[in-house]
Amino acid sequence: MDMRQIRYFLTVADELNITRAAERLHLSQPPLSRALMELEEELGCTLIIRGKRHITLTPEGLALKRRGEQILALADITKTEIADVKKGISGTLYLGHVDSNGPSLAADWISSFKKEYPNVTYNLWCGTVDDLTYRMKSGLLELAITMTPLNTEQLDGITVYSDTWAAIIPGSHPLAKNKKQTVTLKDIVDTDLIISSRHSREEEIRGWFEKQTGKEPRFIVKTAHSSNASKLVDQNIGIAIFPASVAKNISADADVVIKKLTPEVNVDYVLSWDKEKMPSALASKFIEHVRNLYS
């Protein structure tokens, strides 16, 4: 299996039509069909089911599509890293971040780093800590802004920001109209709740409620993005539990109120990298830059 075959297959998987895929690849259909048949023969399975008008991916084909996209992404990253060695501090930094305060931290760091290294470009990706950890372990990201709790067996990092948890409440809710600046878990345990889609975070929040209230919370929506959470709250779907810095990402016209949870629970943001991999020259310089910002 070579890169050419993977690119051919991904084009077919994207178009779901041999004729259109061949046109995109500037090929005639016979060599494309032959390449697909050779790939199926090598892997010992059927990747596509050919219909009269379109094709369908088999479960094996779907698996190859997912892995093939990662393989091509890694190939591009490898080319960039090799170019970095030749050119010095330039190239593309693959940086991931969580939502909430992640976008603001990334923007601040890139702004100051750009002044020293104007030739660097950036590829940003947003997701949960679990998503970011997976992508770093897979080589699709070099660095990521994650949040505690951190998997210290897999990741290393430096703490860059400390935040507290808060409740995002619909403006029409009685708790929003209450003059108190904080809410307790007892205040919201019987309401519909919106939380992060990170599995370990769900278990953490569930533990808070069980300890403080003895009740099982009702999570009706799980999302990786605080902007989605605030829109759901704005529609009176439930109360969201996210870090207080999420306020930066909420539209000024949203009918929501943010109140900190009490007793206070802290969460740290961490610039993280894969513990088992040596950061590239560019990533190392970026880590050093961020470390100096907080020294």
Protein backbone atom coordinates (compact mmCIF):
# COMPACT_ATOMS: atom_id res chain seq x y z
CA MET A 1 0.00 0.00 0.00
CA ASP A 2 1.55 3.29 -1.10
CA MET A 3 0.61 6.96 -0.85
CA ARG A 4 -0.68 7.01 -4.44
CA GLN A 5 -3.16 4.21 -3.72
CA ILE A 6 -4.33 5.92 -0.53
CA ARG A 7 -4.91 9.22 -2.37
CA TYR A 8 -6.81 7.41 -5.12
CA PHE A 9 -8.98 5.59 -2.60
CA LEU A 10 -9.73 8.73 -0.55
CA THR A 11 -10.79 10.59 -3.70
CA VAL A 12 -13.17 7.76 -4.59
CA ALA A 13 -14.44 7.67 -0.99
CA ASP A 14 -15.07 11.41 -1.16
CA GLU A 15 -16.84 11.39 -4.53
CA LEU A 16 -18.56 7.98 -4.17
CA ASN A 17 -18.37 7.83 -7.95
CA ILE A 18 -15.54 6.36 -10.04
CA THR A 19 -16.09 8.70 -13.00
CA ARG A 20 -15.98 11.90 -10.92
CA ALA A 21 -13.01 10.60 -8.91
CA ALA A 22 -11.09 9.85 -12.12
CA GLU A 23 -11.82 13.37 -13.38
CA ARG A 24 -10.52 14.90 -10.13
CA LEU A 25 -7.37 12.81 -10.36
CA HIS A 26 -6.93 13.56 -14.09
CA LEU A 27 -6.99 9.82 -14.83
CA SER A 28 -8.99 7.57 -17.07
CA GLN A 29 -11.23 5.10 -15.24
CA PRO A 30 -9.34 1.85 -16.02
CA PRO A 31 -6.10 2.70 -14.15
CA LEU A 32 -8.10 4.03 -11.18
CA SER A 33 -10.25 0.89 -11.03
CA ARG A 34 -7.15 -1.26 -11.36
CA ALA A 35 -5.42 0.60 -8.50
CA LEU A 36 -8.47 0.05 -6.26
CA MET A 37 -8.60 -3.65 -7.12
CA GLU A 38 -4.89 -4.01 -6.32
CA LEU A 39 -5.44 -2.28 -2.99
CA GLU A 40 -8.35 -4.60 -2.14
CA GLU A 41 -6.27 -7.60 -3.16
CA GLU A 42 -3.35 -6.50 -0.97
CA LEU A 43 -5.60 -5.90 2.05
CA GLY A 44 -7.61 -9.05 1.44
CA CYS A 45 -11.02 -7.39 1.70
CA THR A 46 -13.64 -5.47 -0.26
CA LEU A 47 -13.40 -1.72 0.27
CA ILE A 48 -16.20 -0.48 -1.98
CA ILE A 49 -19.46 -1.88 -3.31
CA ARG A 50 -20.00 -0.73 -6.88
CA GLY A 51 -23.59 0.25 -7.72
CA LYS A 52 -25.09 1.41 -11.00
CA ARG A 53 -24.98 5.09 -10.11
CA HIS A 54 -22.75 5.35 -7.06
CA ILE A 55 -20.57 3.29 -4.77
CA THR A 56 -20.85 2.45 -1.09
CA LEU A 57 -17.98 2.02 1.38
CA THR A 58 -17.83 -1.25 3.28
CA PRO A 59 -16.94 -1.24 7.01
CA GLU A 60 -13.36 -1.98 5.94
CA GLY A 61 -13.54 0.91 3.49
CA LEU A 62 -14.75 3.29 6.20
CA ALA A 63 -11.87 2.18 8.43
CA LEU A 64 -9.34 2.78 5.65
CA LYS A 65 -10.87 6.19 4.93
CA ARG A 66 -10.38 7.24 8.56
CA ARG A 67 -6.81 5.91 8.75
CA GLY A 68 -5.94 7.07 5.24
CA GLU A 69 -6.82 10.66 6.11
CA GLN A 70 -4.54 10.42 9.15
CA ILE A 71 -1.72 8.91 7.07
CA LEU A 72 -1.84 11.76 4.55
CA ALA A 73 -1.99 14.34 7.35
CA LEU A 74 1.06 12.76 8.98
CA ALA A 75 2.88 12.77 5.64
CA ASP A 76 2.24 16.50 5.29
CA ILE A 77 3.40 17.14 8.86
CA THR A 78 6.57 15.11 8.23
CA LYS A 79 7.37 17.16 5.12
CA THR A 80 6.88 20.34 7.14
CA GLU A 81 9.19 19.15 9.92
CA ILE A 82 11.94 18.22 7.46
CA ALA A 83 11.58 21.62 5.80
CA ASP A 84 11.86 23.25 9.23
CA VAL A 85 15.21 21.59 9.82
CA LYS A 86 16.50 22.97 6.54
CA LYS A 87 15.08 26.49 6.93
CA GLY A 88 15.36 27.08 10.66
CA ILE A 89 12.45 28.38 12.72
CA SER A 90 9.68 28.49 10.14
CA GLY A 91 7.06 26.11 8.80
CA THR A 92 3.70 25.21 10.33
CA LEU A 93 2.91 24.68 14.00
CA TYR A 94 0.10 22.16 14.57
CA LEU A 95 -1.56 23.47 17.73
CA GLY A 96 -4.75 22.16 19.32
CA HIS A 97 -6.82 23.74 22.04
CA VAL A 98 -9.85 23.14 24.19
CA ASP A 99 -12.76 25.53 24.04
CA SER A 100 -13.56 28.09 26.79
CA ASN A 101 -10.29 30.02 27.30
CA GLY A 102 -8.29 27.96 24.78
CA PRO A 103 -8.92 30.23 21.76
CA SER A 104 -7.90 33.35 23.72
CA LEU A 105 -4.67 31.77 24.99
CA ALA A 106 -3.77 30.51 21.52
CA ALA A 107 -4.42 33.92 19.98
CA ASP A 108 -2.30 35.73 22.60
CA TRP A 109 0.62 33.36 22.17
CA ILE A 110 0.54 33.39 18.38
CA SER A 111 0.38 37.20 18.39
CA SER A 112 3.55 37.55 20.48
CA PHE A 113 5.37 34.61 18.83
CA LYS A 114 4.64 36.06 15.38
CA LYS A 115 6.64 39.17 16.24
CA GLU A 116 9.77 37.06 16.73
CA TYR A 117 9.13 34.45 14.03
CA PRO A 118 7.00 36.04 11.26
CA ASN A 119 7.54 33.14 8.82
CA VAL A 120 5.73 30.58 10.97
CA THR A 121 2.20 29.55 9.97
CA TYR A 122 -0.34 27.83 12.20
CA ASN A 123 -2.83 24.98 11.90
CA LEU A 124 -5.33 25.13 14.78
CA TRP A 125 -7.73 22.37 15.86
CA CYS A 126 -10.34 22.57 18.64
CA GLY A 127 -11.67 19.61 20.61
CA THR A 128 -12.00 17.99 24.02
CA VAL A 129 -8.93 16.94 26.03
CA ASP A 130 -9.57 13.33 25.00
CA ASP A 131 -9.65 14.36 21.31
CA LEU A 132 -6.48 16.43 21.68
CA THR A 133 -4.62 13.67 23.53
CA TYR A 134 -5.52 11.18 20.79
CA ARG A 135 -4.36 13.54 18.05
CA MET A 136 -1.06 14.25 19.83
CA LYS A 137 -0.42 10.52 20.33
CA SER A 138 -1.27 9.97 16.65
CA GLY A 139 1.17 12.68 15.55
CA LEU A 140 -1.55 14.93 14.13
CA LEU A 141 -0.80 17.69 16.67
CA GLU A 142 2.49 18.68 18.29
CA LEU A 143 1.12 20.88 21.05
CA ALA A 144 -2.27 21.44 22.62
CA ILE A 145 -3.87 23.64 25.25
CA THR A 146 -5.57 21.07 27.49
CA MET A 147 -7.23 21.17 30.90
CA THR A 148 -6.78 19.28 34.13
CA PRO A 149 -7.08 16.49 35.02
CA LEU A 150 -4.15 15.69 32.70
CA ASN A 151 -3.05 12.18 31.75
CA THR A 152 0.51 12.54 33.06
CA GLU A 153 1.44 9.07 31.84
CA GLN A 154 0.98 10.23 28.25
CA LEU A 155 1.43 14.00 28.34
CA ASP A 156 3.88 16.52 29.70
CA GLY A 157 3.16 20.23 29.98
CA ILE A 158 3.24 23.57 31.77
CA THR A 159 0.32 25.16 33.61
CA VAL A 160 -0.61 28.49 32.02
CA TYR A 161 -3.94 29.58 33.48
CA SER A 162 -6.25 28.80 36.40
CA ASP A 163 -10.03 29.10 36.15
CA THR A 164 -13.12 28.31 38.21
CA TRP A 165 -16.29 26.46 37.22
CA ALA A 166 -19.48 28.37 36.55
CA ALA A 167 -23.11 27.83 35.63
CA ILE A 168 -24.50 29.44 32.44
CA ILE A 169 -28.15 30.09 33.23
CA PRO A 170 -31.05 31.11 30.96
CA GLY A 171 -31.95 34.75 31.58
CA SER A 172 -35.56 33.80 32.33
CA HIS A 173 -34.61 31.26 35.03
CA PRO A 174 -35.28 32.24 38.68
CA LEU A 175 -31.61 31.62 39.53
CA ALA A 176 -30.59 34.21 36.92
CA LYS A 177 -32.84 36.83 38.51
CA ASN A 178 -31.59 36.06 42.01
CA LYS A 179 -29.15 38.73 43.27
CA LYS A 180 -26.67 36.12 44.53
CA GLN A 181 -23.49 36.01 42.43
CA THR A 182 -22.98 32.27 42.96
CA VAL A 183 -25.03 29.08 42.71
CA THR A 184 -24.64 25.78 44.53
CA LEU A 185 -24.90 22.30 43.10
CA LYS A 186 -28.05 21.84 45.18
CA ASP A 187 -29.57 24.80 43.32
CA ILE A 188 -29.22 23.10 39.94
CA VAL A 189 -29.19 19.34 40.58
CA ASP A 190 -32.85 18.94 39.59
CA THR A 191 -32.53 20.91 36.33
CA ASP A 192 -31.56 19.78 32.84
CA LEU A 193 -27.78 20.19 32.51
CA ILE A 194 -25.40 20.80 29.60
CA ILE A 195 -21.78 19.68 30.03
CA SER A 196 -18.57 18.91 28.16
CA SER A 197 -18.55 15.78 25.99
CA ARG A 198 -15.23 14.70 27.56
CA HIS A 199 -15.98 11.38 29.29
CA SER A 200 -13.65 11.93 32.24
CA ARG A 201 -15.15 15.41 32.75
CA GLU A 202 -18.65 13.93 32.88
CA GLU A 203 -17.55 11.50 35.58
CA GLU A 204 -15.86 14.33 37.50
CA ILE A 205 -18.98 16.52 37.47
CA ARG A 206 -21.20 13.57 38.36
CA GLY A 207 -18.96 13.01 41.39
CA TRP A 208 -19.43 16.62 42.53
CA PHE A 209 -23.20 16.23 42.57
CA GLU A 210 -23.16 12.88 44.31
CA LYS A 211 -20.86 14.22 47.03
CA GLN A 212 -22.64 17.53 47.56
CA THR A 213 -26.26 16.53 46.99
CA GLY A 214 -26.47 12.74 47.07
CA LYS A 215 -28.45 12.94 43.82
CA GLU A 216 -27.80 11.83 40.24
CA PRO A 217 -27.57 14.84 37.89
CA ARG A 218 -29.48 14.86 34.59
CA PHE A 219 -27.16 15.56 31.63
CA ILE A 220 -29.31 16.19 28.58
CA VAL A 221 -26.67 17.60 26.19
CA LYS A 222 -22.92 16.98 25.94
CA THR A 223 -20.86 19.25 23.68
CA ALA A 224 -17.19 20.04 23.12
CA HIS A 225 -17.82 23.72 22.43
CA SER A 226 -18.93 26.37 24.90
CA SER A 227 -20.43 28.46 22.08
CA ASN A 228 -22.84 25.57 21.42
CA ALA A 229 -23.58 25.35 25.14
CA SER A 230 -24.40 29.05 25.43
CA LYS A 231 -26.76 28.87 22.45
CA LEU A 232 -28.55 25.93 24.02
CA VAL A 233 -28.87 27.87 27.27
CA ASP A 234 -30.13 30.90 25.33
CA GLN A 235 -32.93 28.67 24.03
CA ASN A 236 -33.81 27.70 27.62
CA ILE A 237 -32.84 24.05 27.05
CA GLY A 238 -30.90 23.77 30.29
CA ILE A 239 -28.12 25.12 32.52
CA ALA A 240 -24.55 24.63 31.30
CA ILE A 241 -21.55 23.86 33.52
CA PHE A 242 -18.31 25.20 32.01
CA PRO A 243 -15.24 27.19 33.14
CA ALA A 244 -16.01 30.82 33.97
CA SER A 245 -13.76 32.09 31.15
CA VAL A 246 -16.41 30.83 28.72
CA ALA A 247 -17.90 34.32 29.09
CA LYS A 248 -15.36 35.51 26.50
CA ASN A 249 -17.03 33.35 23.84
CA ILE A 250 -20.66 34.27 24.52
CA SER A 251 -22.45 36.77 22.30
CA ALA A 252 -23.34 40.04 24.00
CA ASP A 253 -26.98 39.67 22.96
CA ALA A 254 -27.35 36.16 24.41
CA ASP A 255 -29.99 36.05 27.14
CA VAL A 256 -27.83 34.17 29.66
CA VAL A 257 -26.33 34.86 33.07
CA ILE A 258 -23.05 33.38 34.33
CA LYS A 259 -22.60 32.64 38.04
CA LYS A 260 -19.69 30.85 39.69
CA LEU A 261 -20.28 27.55 41.41
CA THR A 262 -19.85 27.32 45.16
CA PRO A 263 -18.02 25.72 46.85
CA GLU A 264 -15.44 26.85 44.32
CA VAL A 265 -13.80 24.25 42.09
CA ASN A 266 -10.66 25.14 40.12
CA VAL A 267 -9.47 23.90 36.74
CA ASP A 268 -6.06 24.58 35.16
CA TYR A 269 -5.19 25.09 31.49
CA VAL A 270 -1.98 23.35 30.41
CA LEU A 271 0.19 23.67 27.30
CA SER A 272 0.77 19.97 26.63
CA TRP A 273 2.82 17.70 24.38
CA ASP A 274 3.36 13.97 23.94
CA LYS A 275 5.69 12.74 26.67
CA GLU A 276 7.21 10.07 24.43
CA LYS A 277 8.10 12.31 21.47
CA MET A 278 10.81 14.93 21.09
CA PRO A 279 9.18 18.26 20.06
CA SER A 280 10.38 19.69 16.76
CA ALA A 281 12.64 22.76 16.71
CA LEU A 282 9.59 24.95 16.05
CA ALA A 283 7.49 23.37 18.83
CA SER A 284 10.40 23.60 21.28
CA LYS A 285 10.83 27.29 20.52
CA PHE A 286 7.09 27.85 21.01
CA ILE A 287 7.16 26.02 24.37
CA GLU A 288 10.12 28.16 25.45
CA HIS A 289 8.25 31.29 24.38
CA VAL A 290 5.14 30.40 26.38
CA ARG A 291 7.23 29.36 29.39
CA ASN A 292 8.91 32.77 29.36
CA LEU A 293 5.53 34.50 29.27
CA TYR A 294 4.62 32.89 32.60
CA SER A 295 8.01 32.80 34.29
